[in-house]
């Protein structure tokens, strides 16, 4: 399974409600997410399914990616999952999806949880996620150790030169 792990875009400092989970993306945050999603499309890496943390900024990020990648036109889905919310168990979710034979799934969530998820899947990952950053992995169908495929840098929209985007 190709797995795309993405951190939400830049969000407002405080929500009107005063509740952290309600913080929305800023206008520059939305623009950056659109640009990252377009870079994924241009590289042939558009997800077929998106699972997102239920927090507003992650849901908004997932929705923008779905629109840019035309997910709805390809019969894909976006759904919220507590497994990707802060403190969830996204690594177990990812392994389960691989065993189920899912293809090209994106998880949209938060730091430091995303670094923990990737670390648990590949065995060693010590890099924090920038906002809107995407890490591409391959998880075998037997849910064995994942392989790092690429890191999409949100500021430059370049794929990490040390890694290659492969099939």
C-alpha atoms as a PDB file:
ATOM      1  CA  UNK A   1       0.000   0.000   0.000  1.00  0.00           C
ATOM      2  CA  UNK A   2       1.172   3.499  -0.768  1.00  0.00           C
ATOM      3  CA  UNK A   3       0.618   5.568   2.356  1.00  0.00           C
ATOM      4  CA  UNK A   4       0.777   9.354   2.431  1.00  0.00           C
ATOM      5  CA  UNK A   5       1.155  10.890   5.885  1.00  0.00           C
ATOM      6  CA  UNK A   6       0.385  14.622   5.913  1.00  0.00           C
ATOM      7  CA  UNK A   7       0.421  17.255   8.607  1.00  0.00           C
ATOM      8  CA  UNK A   8      -2.394  19.801   8.504  1.00  0.00           C
ATOM      9  CA  UNK A   9      -1.734  23.259   7.085  1.00  0.00           C
ATOM     10  CA  UNK A  10      -1.021  26.394   9.113  1.00  0.00           C
ATOM     11  CA  UNK A  11      -3.895  27.208  11.444  1.00  0.00           C
ATOM     12  CA  UNK A  12      -5.070  30.195  13.410  1.00  0.00           C
ATOM     13  CA  UNK A  13      -3.537  30.658  16.853  1.00  0.00           C
ATOM     14  CA  UNK A  14      -6.885  30.647  18.668  1.00  0.00           C
ATOM     15  CA  UNK A  15     -10.406  29.640  17.658  1.00  0.00           C
ATOM     16  CA  UNK A  16     -13.323  31.937  18.481  1.00  0.00           C
ATOM     17  CA  UNK A  17     -14.688  29.151  20.669  1.00  0.00           C
ATOM     18  CA  UNK A  18     -11.450  29.009  22.639  1.00  0.00           C
ATOM     19  CA  UNK A  19     -11.263  25.258  21.920  1.00  0.00           C
ATOM     20  CA  UNK A  20      -8.035  24.045  20.309  1.00  0.00           C
ATOM     21  CA  UNK A  21      -9.858  21.430  18.203  1.00  0.00           C
ATOM     22  CA  UNK A  22     -11.826  24.243  16.514  1.00  0.00           C
ATOM     23  CA  UNK A  23      -8.789  26.091  15.143  1.00  0.00           C
ATOM     24  CA  UNK A  24      -9.225  26.576  11.392  1.00  0.00           C
ATOM     25  CA  UNK A  25      -6.669  26.904   8.609  1.00  0.00           C
ATOM     26  CA  UNK A  26      -5.416  30.376   7.794  1.00  0.00           C
ATOM     27  CA  UNK A  27      -5.647  31.691   4.219  1.00  0.00           C
ATOM     28  CA  UNK A  28      -1.897  31.067   3.671  1.00  0.00           C
ATOM     29  CA  UNK A  29      -2.356  27.608   5.218  1.00  0.00           C
ATOM     30  CA  UNK A  30      -5.116  26.782   2.710  1.00  0.00           C
ATOM     31  CA  UNK A  31      -2.955  28.058  -0.162  1.00  0.00           C
ATOM     32  CA  UNK A  32       0.010  25.926   0.931  1.00  0.00           C
ATOM     33  CA  UNK A  33      -2.182  22.802   1.217  1.00  0.00           C
ATOM     34  CA  UNK A  34      -3.521  23.413  -2.318  1.00  0.00           C
ATOM     35  CA  UNK A  35       0.033  23.733  -3.653  1.00  0.00           C
ATOM     36  CA  UNK A  36       1.170  20.545  -1.908  1.00  0.00           C
ATOM     37  CA  UNK A  37      -1.866  18.644  -3.219  1.00  0.00           C
ATOM     38  CA  UNK A  38      -1.127  19.866  -6.753  1.00  0.00           C
ATOM     39  CA  UNK A  39       2.490  18.696  -6.406  1.00  0.00           C
ATOM     40  CA  UNK A  40       1.195  15.243  -5.423  1.00  0.00           C
ATOM     41  CA  UNK A  41      -1.080  15.167  -8.481  1.00  0.00           C
ATOM     42  CA  UNK A  42       1.765  16.284 -10.764  1.00  0.00           C
ATOM     43  CA  UNK A  43       3.941  13.453  -9.391  1.00  0.00           C
ATOM     44  CA  UNK A  44       1.202  10.844  -9.912  1.00  0.00           C
ATOM     45  CA  UNK A  45       0.767  10.438  -6.145  1.00  0.00           C
ATOM     46  CA  UNK A  46      -2.871  11.425  -5.579  1.00  0.00           C
ATOM     47  CA  UNK A  47      -4.549   9.441  -2.776  1.00  0.00           C
ATOM     48  CA  UNK A  48      -7.628   7.310  -3.367  1.00  0.00           C
ATOM     49  CA  UNK A  49      -8.812   7.572   0.222  1.00  0.00           C
ATOM     50  CA  UNK A  50      -8.166  10.131   2.957  1.00  0.00           C
ATOM     51  CA  UNK A  51      -8.506   9.484   6.674  1.00  0.00           C
ATOM     52  CA  UNK A  52      -8.229  12.549   8.858  1.00  0.00           C
ATOM     53  CA  UNK A  53      -8.114  13.578  12.462  1.00  0.00           C
ATOM     54  CA  UNK A  54     -11.507  15.025  13.442  1.00  0.00           C
ATOM     55  CA  UNK A  55      -9.919  18.354  14.478  1.00  0.00           C
ATOM     56  CA  UNK A  56     -11.085  21.213  12.230  1.00  0.00           C
ATOM     57  CA  UNK A  57      -7.666  22.118  10.792  1.00  0.00           C
ATOM     58  CA  UNK A  58      -7.010  18.513   9.743  1.00  0.00           C
ATOM     59  CA  UNK A  59     -10.494  18.059   8.259  1.00  0.00           C
ATOM     60  CA  UNK A  60     -10.069  21.271   6.255  1.00  0.00           C
ATOM     61  CA  UNK A  61      -6.672  20.066   5.016  1.00  0.00           C
ATOM     62  CA  UNK A  62      -8.155  16.722   3.947  1.00  0.00           C
ATOM     63  CA  UNK A  63     -11.048  18.427   2.170  1.00  0.00           C
ATOM     64  CA  UNK A  64      -8.695  20.693   0.204  1.00  0.00           C
ATOM     65  CA  UNK A  65      -6.551  17.707  -0.826  1.00  0.00           C
ATOM     66  CA  UNK A  66      -9.705  15.852  -1.904  1.00  0.00           C
ATOM     67  CA  UNK A  67     -10.828  18.795  -4.058  1.00  0.00           C
ATOM     68  CA  UNK A  68      -7.434  19.386  -5.700  1.00  0.00           C
ATOM     69  CA  UNK A  69      -6.862  15.684  -6.378  1.00  0.00           C
ATOM     70  CA  UNK A  70     -10.463  15.258  -7.590  1.00  0.00           C
ATOM     71  CA  UNK A  71     -10.926  12.458  -5.107  1.00  0.00           C
ATOM     72  CA  UNK A  72     -14.722  12.582  -5.334  1.00  0.00           C
ATOM     73  CA  UNK A  73     -14.558  12.168  -9.109  1.00  0.00           C
ATOM     74  CA  UNK A  74     -12.543   8.974  -8.606  1.00  0.00           C
ATOM     75  CA  UNK A  75     -15.005   7.551  -6.069  1.00  0.00           C
ATOM     76  CA  UNK A  76     -12.606   8.051  -3.199  1.00  0.00           C
ATOM     77  CA  UNK A  77     -13.600   9.017   0.292  1.00  0.00           C
ATOM     78  CA  UNK A  78     -12.618  11.349   3.098  1.00  0.00           C
ATOM     79  CA  UNK A  79     -13.470  10.262   6.608  1.00  0.00           C
ATOM     80  CA  UNK A  80     -12.563  11.308  10.125  1.00  0.00           C
ATOM     81  CA  UNK A  81     -10.867   8.784  12.393  1.00  0.00           C
ATOM     82  CA  UNK A  82      -9.988   9.105  16.058  1.00  0.00           C
ATOM     83  CA  UNK A  83      -6.989   6.858  15.339  1.00  0.00           C
ATOM     84  CA  UNK A  84      -5.339   9.887  13.710  1.00  0.00           C
ATOM     85  CA  UNK A  85      -6.409  12.409  16.354  1.00  0.00           C
ATOM     86  CA  UNK A  86      -3.798  13.403  18.928  1.00  0.00           C
ATOM     87  CA  UNK A  87      -3.030  10.356  21.070  1.00  0.00           C
ATOM     88  CA  UNK A  88      -4.547   7.915  18.554  1.00  0.00           C
ATOM     89  CA  UNK A  89      -2.997   4.787  17.081  1.00  0.00           C
ATOM     90  CA  UNK A  90      -2.439   5.683  13.438  1.00  0.00           C
ATOM     91  CA  UNK A  91       0.319   3.098  12.912  1.00  0.00           C
ATOM     92  CA  UNK A  92      -2.005   0.205  13.749  1.00  0.00           C
ATOM     93  CA  UNK A  93      -4.663   1.745  11.501  1.00  0.00           C
ATOM     94  CA  UNK A  94      -2.162   1.998   8.620  1.00  0.00           C
ATOM     95  CA  UNK A  95      -1.059  -1.616   9.010  1.00  0.00           C
ATOM     96  CA  UNK A  96      -4.685  -2.785   9.086  1.00  0.00           C
ATOM     97  CA  UNK A  97      -5.424  -0.883   5.877  1.00  0.00           C
ATOM     98  CA  UNK A  98      -2.416  -2.503   4.175  1.00  0.00           C
ATOM     99  CA  UNK A  99      -3.562  -5.992   5.201  1.00  0.00           C
ATOM    100  CA  UNK A 100      -7.048  -5.163   3.848  1.00  0.00           C
ATOM    101  CA  UNK A 101      -5.441  -4.446   0.477  1.00  0.00           C
ATOM    102  CA  UNK A 102      -6.154  -0.717   0.419  1.00  0.00           C
ATOM    103  CA  UNK A 103      -4.317   1.391  -2.131  1.00  0.00           C
ATOM    104  CA  UNK A 104      -2.998   4.962  -1.906  1.00  0.00           C
ATOM    105  CA  UNK A 105      -4.308   6.066   1.484  1.00  0.00           C
ATOM    106  CA  UNK A 106      -3.567   9.448   3.057  1.00  0.00           C
ATOM    107  CA  UNK A 107      -3.580  10.095   6.798  1.00  0.00           C
ATOM    108  CA  UNK A 108      -3.940  13.763   7.803  1.00  0.00           C
ATOM    109  CA  UNK A 109      -3.037  14.627  11.366  1.00  0.00           C
ATOM    110  CA  UNK A 110      -0.860  16.434  13.867  1.00  0.00           C
ATOM    111  CA  UNK A 111       2.587  16.565  15.392  1.00  0.00           C
ATOM    112  CA  UNK A 112       4.147  14.923  17.300  1.00  0.00           C
ATOM    113  CA  UNK A 113       1.812  12.016  16.528  1.00  0.00           C
ATOM    114  CA  UNK A 114       2.697  11.840  12.825  1.00  0.00           C
ATOM    115  CA  UNK A 115       6.422  11.470  13.531  1.00  0.00           C
ATOM    116  CA  UNK A 116       5.561   8.676  15.964  1.00  0.00           C
ATOM    117  CA  UNK A 117       3.352   6.939  13.362  1.00  0.00           C
ATOM    118  CA  UNK A 118       6.063   7.061  10.685  1.00  0.00           C
ATOM    119  CA  UNK A 119       8.710   5.959  13.199  1.00  0.00           C
ATOM    120  CA  UNK A 120       6.624   2.961  14.238  1.00  0.00           C
ATOM    121  CA  UNK A 121       6.066   1.999  10.599  1.00  0.00           C
ATOM    122  CA  UNK A 122       9.614   2.384   9.244  1.00  0.00           C
ATOM    123  CA  UNK A 123      11.512   1.683  12.448  1.00  0.00           C
ATOM    124  CA  UNK A 124      13.537   4.898  12.477  1.00  0.00           C
ATOM    125  CA  UNK A 125      12.280   8.393  11.730  1.00  0.00           C
ATOM    126  CA  UNK A 126      13.570  11.351  13.675  1.00  0.00           C
ATOM    127  CA  UNK A 127      12.327  14.237  11.590  1.00  0.00           C
ATOM    128  CA  UNK A 128       9.462  16.476  12.712  1.00  0.00           C
ATOM    129  CA  UNK A 129       6.720  17.258  10.223  1.00  0.00           C
ATOM    130  CA  UNK A 130       6.485  20.831   8.982  1.00  0.00           C
ATOM    131  CA  UNK A 131       2.956  22.074   8.406  1.00  0.00           C
ATOM    132  CA  UNK A 132       1.583  20.648   5.124  1.00  0.00           C
ATOM    133  CA  UNK A 133       4.521  18.217   4.797  1.00  0.00           C
ATOM    134  CA  UNK A 134       3.832  14.819   3.238  1.00  0.00           C
ATOM    135  CA  UNK A 135       5.813  11.649   3.823  1.00  0.00           C
ATOM    136  CA  UNK A 136       5.248   8.847   1.330  1.00  0.00           C
ATOM    137  CA  UNK A 137       5.653   5.260   2.488  1.00  0.00           C
ATOM    138  CA  UNK A 138       5.154   1.788   1.108  1.00  0.00           C
ATOM    139  CA  UNK A 139       3.641  -0.751   3.501  1.00  0.00           C
ATOM    140  CA  UNK A 140       3.689  -4.373   2.297  1.00  0.00           C
ATOM    141  CA  UNK A 141       0.424  -6.330   2.310  1.00  0.00           C
ATOM    142  CA  UNK A 142       1.727  -8.481   5.171  1.00  0.00           C
ATOM    143  CA  UNK A 143       2.051  -5.271   7.255  1.00  0.00           C
ATOM    144  CA  UNK A 144       5.798  -5.817   7.601  1.00  0.00           C
ATOM    145  CA  UNK A 145       8.198  -2.896   7.985  1.00  0.00           C
ATOM    146  CA  UNK A 146       7.321   0.077   5.806  1.00  0.00           C
ATOM    147  CA  UNK A 147       9.750   1.680   3.400  1.00  0.00           C
ATOM    148  CA  UNK A 148      10.202   5.440   3.153  1.00  0.00           C
ATOM    149  CA  UNK A 149       9.500   6.539  -0.435  1.00  0.00           C
ATOM    150  CA  UNK A 150       9.679  10.326  -0.310  1.00  0.00           C
ATOM    151  CA  UNK A 151       9.304  13.489   1.711  1.00  0.00           C
ATOM    152  CA  UNK A 152       7.480  16.347   0.001  1.00  0.00           C
ATOM    153  CA  UNK A 153       8.810  19.625   1.353  1.00  0.00           C
ATOM    154  CA  UNK A 154       5.909  22.097   1.633  1.00  0.00           C
ATOM    155  CA  UNK A 155       7.987  25.281   1.330  1.00  0.00           C
ATOM    156  CA  UNK A 156       9.806  24.286  -1.854  1.00  0.00           C
ATOM    157  CA  UNK A 157       7.270  21.769  -3.202  1.00  0.00           C
ATOM    158  CA  UNK A 158      10.205  19.508  -3.945  1.00  0.00           C
ATOM    159  CA  UNK A 159      10.559  15.887  -3.120  1.00  0.00           C
ATOM    160  CA  UNK A 160      13.509  15.198  -0.826  1.00  0.00           C
ATOM    161  CA  UNK A 161      16.482  14.695  -3.186  1.00  0.00           C
ATOM    162  CA  UNK A 162      17.775  11.814  -1.065  1.00  0.00           C
ATOM    163  CA  UNK A 163      14.671   9.802  -1.856  1.00  0.00           C
ATOM    164  CA  UNK A 164      12.986   8.970  -5.104  1.00  0.00           C
ATOM    165  CA  UNK A 165       9.320   8.692  -5.954  1.00  0.00           C
ATOM    166  CA  UNK A 166       8.878   5.150  -7.175  1.00  0.00           C
ATOM    167  CA  UNK A 167       6.049   2.843  -8.153  1.00  0.00           C
END
